[in-house]
Amino acid sequence: MIHGMEHGMRTDRRPAPARVRLVFGLVVMVCGLLLTLDNFGLLQSRRFVRFWPVLLIGLGVLKLSHGLRSKARTPGFFMILMGVVLLLVNLGILDLRLAFALFLLALGAAIVWRAARSPDVAAVAPAALTDPSKHLDVSVFMGSVQRALSAQDFLGGSATALLGGCEIDLTKASIAGGEAVINTFAFWGGIEIKVPPDWMVETRGTAVLGGFDDSSRRPDDNRKRLIVSGIAVMGGVEVKN
């Protein structure tokens, strides 16, 4: 009997993507019901539209429940914070200018936190700073930049895109030390990184209304590993072959 109860408990556990689809489907059903009742004149759906940030809070809670064993906790907390702030603005409890200030404060705190926890490339490989061919240092603001490196002992670096795009080609490069780290920051912009097929890519980024996409191949070994960390705010970081 105990075995049956444990089996039943295991079958009731849904993976995080399934829970997200379930919640999204229920929200769509509720929206359809509200619009239907509004068309029949039974209620005014405008009174309920202002509560839409509750959906953002719910998605943040789902991310937290899934992120207790992964690295999705920071986006979950951020989504909950944004949902609460937007809900208070819609209810007239919080001023919009104050909400924007709180958003910048939270965003800055998240950036500082990620920067403090990210690996220090200079500490790991100080020689990279003296040789630009081994160290990536790309920044763009309201524009685009393309950079290609072919160093056979690539040691990592950083890439920043503010309202612009970065295209980084590392397909002819190699990692001699076993591991390299690229710290990224994309704000209303995009960063594209092309890597060789024998590199193992590991993304450790935090996305806020954005995304980190890794479509690169998975080699048989991880002797050459690239770690892509950072933050994407209303932007994206893509790694591919």
Protein backbone atom coordinates (compact mmCIF):
# COMPACT_ATOMS: atom_id res chain seq x y z
CA MET A 1 0.00 0.00 0.00
CA ILE A 2 2.85 2.34 0.88
CA HIS A 3 4.50 1.48 -2.41
CA GLY A 4 1.29 2.36 -4.23
CA MET A 5 1.05 5.68 -2.41
CA GLU A 6 4.65 6.52 -3.32
CA HIS A 7 3.98 5.56 -6.92
CA GLY A 8 0.91 7.79 -6.96
CA MET A 9 2.90 10.67 -5.51
CA ARG A 10 5.57 10.29 -8.19
CA THR A 11 3.04 10.20 -11.01
CA ASP A 12 1.43 13.42 -9.78
CA ARG A 13 4.67 15.35 -10.08
CA ARG A 14 4.75 17.21 -13.35
CA PRO A 15 7.93 18.64 -14.88
CA ALA A 16 8.31 22.40 -14.83
CA PRO A 17 7.50 22.93 -18.57
CA ALA A 18 4.25 20.97 -18.13
CA ARG A 19 3.30 23.10 -15.12
CA VAL A 20 4.00 26.27 -17.07
CA ARG A 21 1.81 25.09 -19.96
CA LEU A 22 -0.91 24.12 -17.50
CA VAL A 23 -0.92 27.55 -15.86
CA PHE A 24 -0.79 29.30 -19.22
CA GLY A 25 -3.73 27.25 -20.48
CA LEU A 26 -5.78 28.09 -17.40
CA VAL A 27 -4.99 31.79 -17.82
CA VAL A 28 -6.11 31.68 -21.46
CA MET A 29 -9.34 29.96 -20.39
CA VAL A 30 -9.99 32.61 -17.72
CA CYS A 31 -9.36 35.41 -20.23
CA GLY A 32 -11.77 33.81 -22.66
CA LEU A 33 -14.38 33.44 -19.92
CA LEU A 34 -14.04 37.10 -18.90
CA LEU A 35 -14.39 38.29 -22.48
CA THR A 36 -17.41 36.05 -23.01
CA LEU A 37 -19.15 37.37 -19.89
CA ASP A 38 -18.26 40.91 -20.92
CA ASN A 39 -19.88 40.40 -24.34
CA PHE A 40 -23.05 39.21 -22.63
CA GLY A 41 -23.01 42.27 -20.38
CA LEU A 42 -22.68 40.23 -17.20
CA LEU A 43 -19.49 41.98 -16.04
CA GLN A 44 -16.86 44.50 -17.10
CA SER A 45 -13.62 42.79 -17.98
CA ARG A 46 -11.72 46.08 -17.60
CA ARG A 47 -11.88 45.67 -13.83
CA PHE A 48 -9.85 42.47 -14.07
CA VAL A 49 -7.32 43.53 -16.69
CA ARG A 50 -5.31 45.49 -14.14
CA PHE A 51 -4.60 42.28 -12.25
CA TRP A 52 -2.56 40.82 -15.14
CA PRO A 53 0.76 41.11 -13.16
CA VAL A 54 -0.52 38.23 -11.03
CA LEU A 55 0.39 36.03 -14.00
CA LEU A 56 3.97 37.29 -13.81
CA ILE A 57 4.03 36.52 -10.09
CA GLY A 58 2.71 33.02 -10.72
CA LEU A 59 5.36 32.33 -13.36
CA GLY A 60 8.01 33.53 -10.93
CA VAL A 61 6.73 31.16 -8.26
CA LEU A 62 6.85 28.29 -10.77
CA LYS A 63 10.44 29.17 -11.62
CA LEU A 64 11.32 29.22 -7.94
CA SER A 65 9.73 25.83 -7.34
CA HIS A 66 11.76 24.42 -10.22
CA GLY A 67 14.87 26.45 -9.42
CA LEU A 68 15.41 25.08 -5.92
CA ARG A 69 17.55 22.43 -7.58
CA SER A 70 18.83 24.51 -10.50
CA LYS A 71 20.05 27.99 -11.39
CA ALA A 72 16.64 29.53 -12.12
CA ARG A 73 16.10 31.16 -8.72
CA THR A 74 17.34 34.64 -9.67
CA PRO A 75 14.92 35.05 -12.63
CA GLY A 76 12.11 33.72 -10.43
CA PHE A 77 12.73 36.30 -7.73
CA PHE A 78 13.00 39.04 -10.35
CA MET A 79 9.71 38.06 -12.02
CA ILE A 80 7.93 38.04 -8.66
CA LEU A 81 9.36 41.46 -7.80
CA MET A 82 8.32 42.93 -11.15
CA GLY A 83 4.85 41.40 -10.84
CA VAL A 84 4.32 42.84 -7.35
CA VAL A 85 5.55 46.30 -8.40
CA LEU A 86 3.37 46.37 -11.54
CA LEU A 87 0.37 45.17 -9.57
CA LEU A 88 0.83 47.96 -7.01
CA VAL A 89 1.10 50.48 -9.87
CA ASN A 90 -2.09 49.23 -11.50
CA LEU A 91 -3.92 49.42 -8.17
CA GLY A 92 -2.76 53.00 -7.64
CA ILE A 93 -0.76 52.15 -4.50
CA LEU A 94 2.65 52.83 -6.04
CA ASP A 95 3.70 55.73 -8.26
CA LEU A 96 5.01 54.83 -11.72
CA ARG A 97 8.19 56.89 -11.31
CA LEU A 98 8.95 55.20 -8.01
CA ALA A 99 8.30 51.82 -9.61
CA PHE A 100 10.78 52.61 -12.38
CA ALA A 101 13.35 53.67 -9.78
CA LEU A 102 12.84 50.40 -7.90
CA PHE A 103 13.23 48.49 -11.15
CA LEU A 104 16.58 50.17 -11.86
CA LEU A 105 17.66 49.52 -8.27
CA ALA A 106 16.80 45.82 -8.51
CA LEU A 107 18.43 45.54 -11.94
CA GLY A 108 21.63 47.17 -10.69
CA ALA A 109 21.69 44.92 -7.64
CA ALA A 110 21.29 41.85 -9.86
CA ILE A 111 24.14 42.98 -12.12
CA VAL A 112 26.44 43.63 -9.15
CA TRP A 113 25.53 40.26 -7.62
CA ARG A 114 26.23 38.39 -10.84
CA ALA A 115 29.50 40.29 -11.36
CA ALA A 116 30.64 39.50 -7.83
CA ARG A 117 29.89 35.78 -8.26
CA SER A 118 31.24 35.42 -11.81
CA PRO A 119 34.75 34.03 -12.33
CA ASP A 120 37.48 36.65 -12.58
CA VAL A 121 39.18 36.17 -15.92
CA ALA A 122 42.09 38.41 -14.95
CA ALA A 123 42.75 36.38 -11.82
CA VAL A 124 42.59 33.08 -13.66
CA ALA A 125 44.63 34.15 -16.70
CA PRO A 126 46.49 37.47 -16.20
CA ALA A 127 48.47 36.91 -19.40
CA ALA A 128 45.28 37.36 -21.40
CA LEU A 129 45.13 41.04 -20.53
CA THR A 130 48.51 41.64 -22.16
CA ASP A 131 47.63 39.78 -25.37
CA PRO A 132 44.43 40.97 -27.12
CA SER A 133 44.50 37.97 -29.46
CA LYS A 134 43.78 35.66 -26.52
CA HIS A 135 41.32 37.86 -24.66
CA LEU A 136 37.88 38.96 -25.88
CA ASP A 137 36.83 42.51 -25.08
CA VAL A 138 33.81 43.69 -27.09
CA SER A 139 31.39 46.54 -26.31
CA VAL A 140 28.75 48.12 -28.51
CA PHE A 141 26.20 50.87 -27.93
CA MET A 142 23.43 51.54 -30.47
CA GLY A 143 25.27 49.78 -33.25
CA SER A 144 26.80 46.50 -34.29
CA VAL A 145 30.25 44.95 -34.15
CA GLN A 146 31.83 41.79 -35.54
CA ARG A 147 34.87 40.20 -33.96
CA ALA A 148 36.79 37.04 -34.86
CA LEU A 149 39.55 35.39 -32.83
CA SER A 150 41.76 32.50 -33.92
CA ALA A 151 44.01 32.11 -30.87
CA GLN A 152 44.83 28.49 -30.07
CA ASP A 153 44.94 29.28 -26.35
CA PHE A 154 41.81 31.40 -25.99
CA LEU A 155 41.34 32.52 -22.39
CA GLY A 156 37.88 34.13 -22.38
CA GLY A 157 36.80 37.74 -21.93
CA SER A 158 33.67 39.86 -21.96
CA ALA A 159 31.01 41.10 -24.38
CA THR A 160 28.52 43.93 -23.82
CA ALA A 161 25.65 44.96 -26.10
CA LEU A 162 23.50 48.01 -25.26
CA LEU A 163 20.78 48.64 -27.84
CA GLY A 164 22.97 46.90 -30.39
CA GLY A 165 24.42 43.60 -31.49
CA CYS A 166 27.70 41.68 -31.20
CA GLU A 167 28.76 38.87 -33.52
CA ILE A 168 31.70 36.90 -32.15
CA ASP A 169 33.36 34.21 -34.27
CA LEU A 170 35.51 31.72 -32.35
CA THR A 171 35.22 28.83 -34.82
CA LYS A 172 38.95 28.97 -35.62
CA ALA A 173 40.05 29.34 -32.00
CA SER A 174 40.92 26.70 -29.44
CA ILE A 175 41.11 26.38 -25.66
CA ALA A 176 44.45 25.16 -24.36
CA GLY A 177 43.82 25.52 -20.64
CA GLY A 178 40.71 23.35 -20.61
CA GLU A 179 38.26 26.13 -19.68
CA ALA A 180 37.46 29.69 -20.75
CA VAL A 181 34.85 32.13 -19.46
CA ILE A 182 32.96 34.84 -21.37
CA ASN A 183 30.98 37.31 -19.27
CA THR A 184 28.10 38.83 -21.23
CA PHE A 185 25.68 41.69 -20.69
CA ALA A 186 22.87 42.35 -23.19
CA PHE A 187 20.40 45.19 -22.61
CA TRP A 188 17.91 45.61 -25.45
CA GLY A 189 20.49 43.98 -27.65
CA GLY A 190 21.88 40.65 -28.74
CA ILE A 191 25.15 38.75 -28.53
CA GLU A 192 25.89 35.88 -30.91
CA ILE A 193 28.84 33.59 -30.21
CA LYS A 194 30.00 30.98 -32.74
CA VAL A 195 32.14 28.18 -31.31
CA PRO A 196 33.92 25.12 -32.75
CA PRO A 197 32.07 21.80 -32.64
CA ASP A 198 34.57 20.31 -30.16
CA TRP A 199 33.79 22.88 -27.44
CA MET A 200 31.50 21.98 -24.57
CA VAL A 201 29.35 25.03 -23.80
CA GLU A 202 27.85 25.73 -20.38
CA THR A 203 25.52 28.72 -19.93
CA ARG A 204 25.21 30.32 -16.52
CA GLY A 205 23.36 33.46 -17.51
CA THR A 206 20.34 35.16 -16.00
CA ALA A 207 17.60 36.31 -18.38
CA VAL A 208 15.08 39.02 -17.49
CA LEU A 209 12.47 39.30 -20.25
CA GLY A 210 15.19 37.90 -22.50
CA GLY A 211 16.95 34.62 -23.09
CA PHE A 212 20.13 32.53 -23.23
CA ASP A 213 20.06 30.08 -26.13
CA ASP A 214 22.65 27.35 -26.61
CA SER A 215 22.21 25.44 -29.87
CA SER A 216 25.79 24.22 -30.13
CA ARG A 217 26.67 20.57 -30.53
CA ARG A 218 27.57 18.38 -27.56
CA PRO A 219 31.01 16.79 -28.05
CA ASP A 220 31.93 13.42 -26.61
CA ASP A 221 34.31 14.94 -24.04
CA ASN A 222 34.61 18.24 -22.17
CA ARG A 223 38.33 18.83 -22.51
CA LYS A 224 37.55 22.21 -24.07
CA ARG A 225 34.79 23.93 -22.12
CA LEU A 226 33.39 27.42 -22.62
CA ILE A 227 31.37 28.99 -19.81
CA VAL A 228 29.01 31.79 -20.88
CA SER A 229 27.73 33.82 -17.94
CA GLY A 230 26.09 37.22 -17.52
CA ILE A 231 22.71 38.92 -17.76
CA ALA A 232 20.28 39.47 -20.64
CA VAL A 233 17.65 42.15 -20.02
CA MET A 234 15.07 42.37 -22.81
CA GLY A 235 17.78 40.95 -25.04
CA GLY A 236 19.42 37.67 -25.85
CA VAL A 237 22.68 35.72 -25.88
CA GLU A 238 23.00 32.90 -28.42
CA VAL A 239 25.74 30.30 -28.71
CA LYS A 240 25.95 28.12 -31.81
CA ASN A 241 28.37 26.31 -34.12
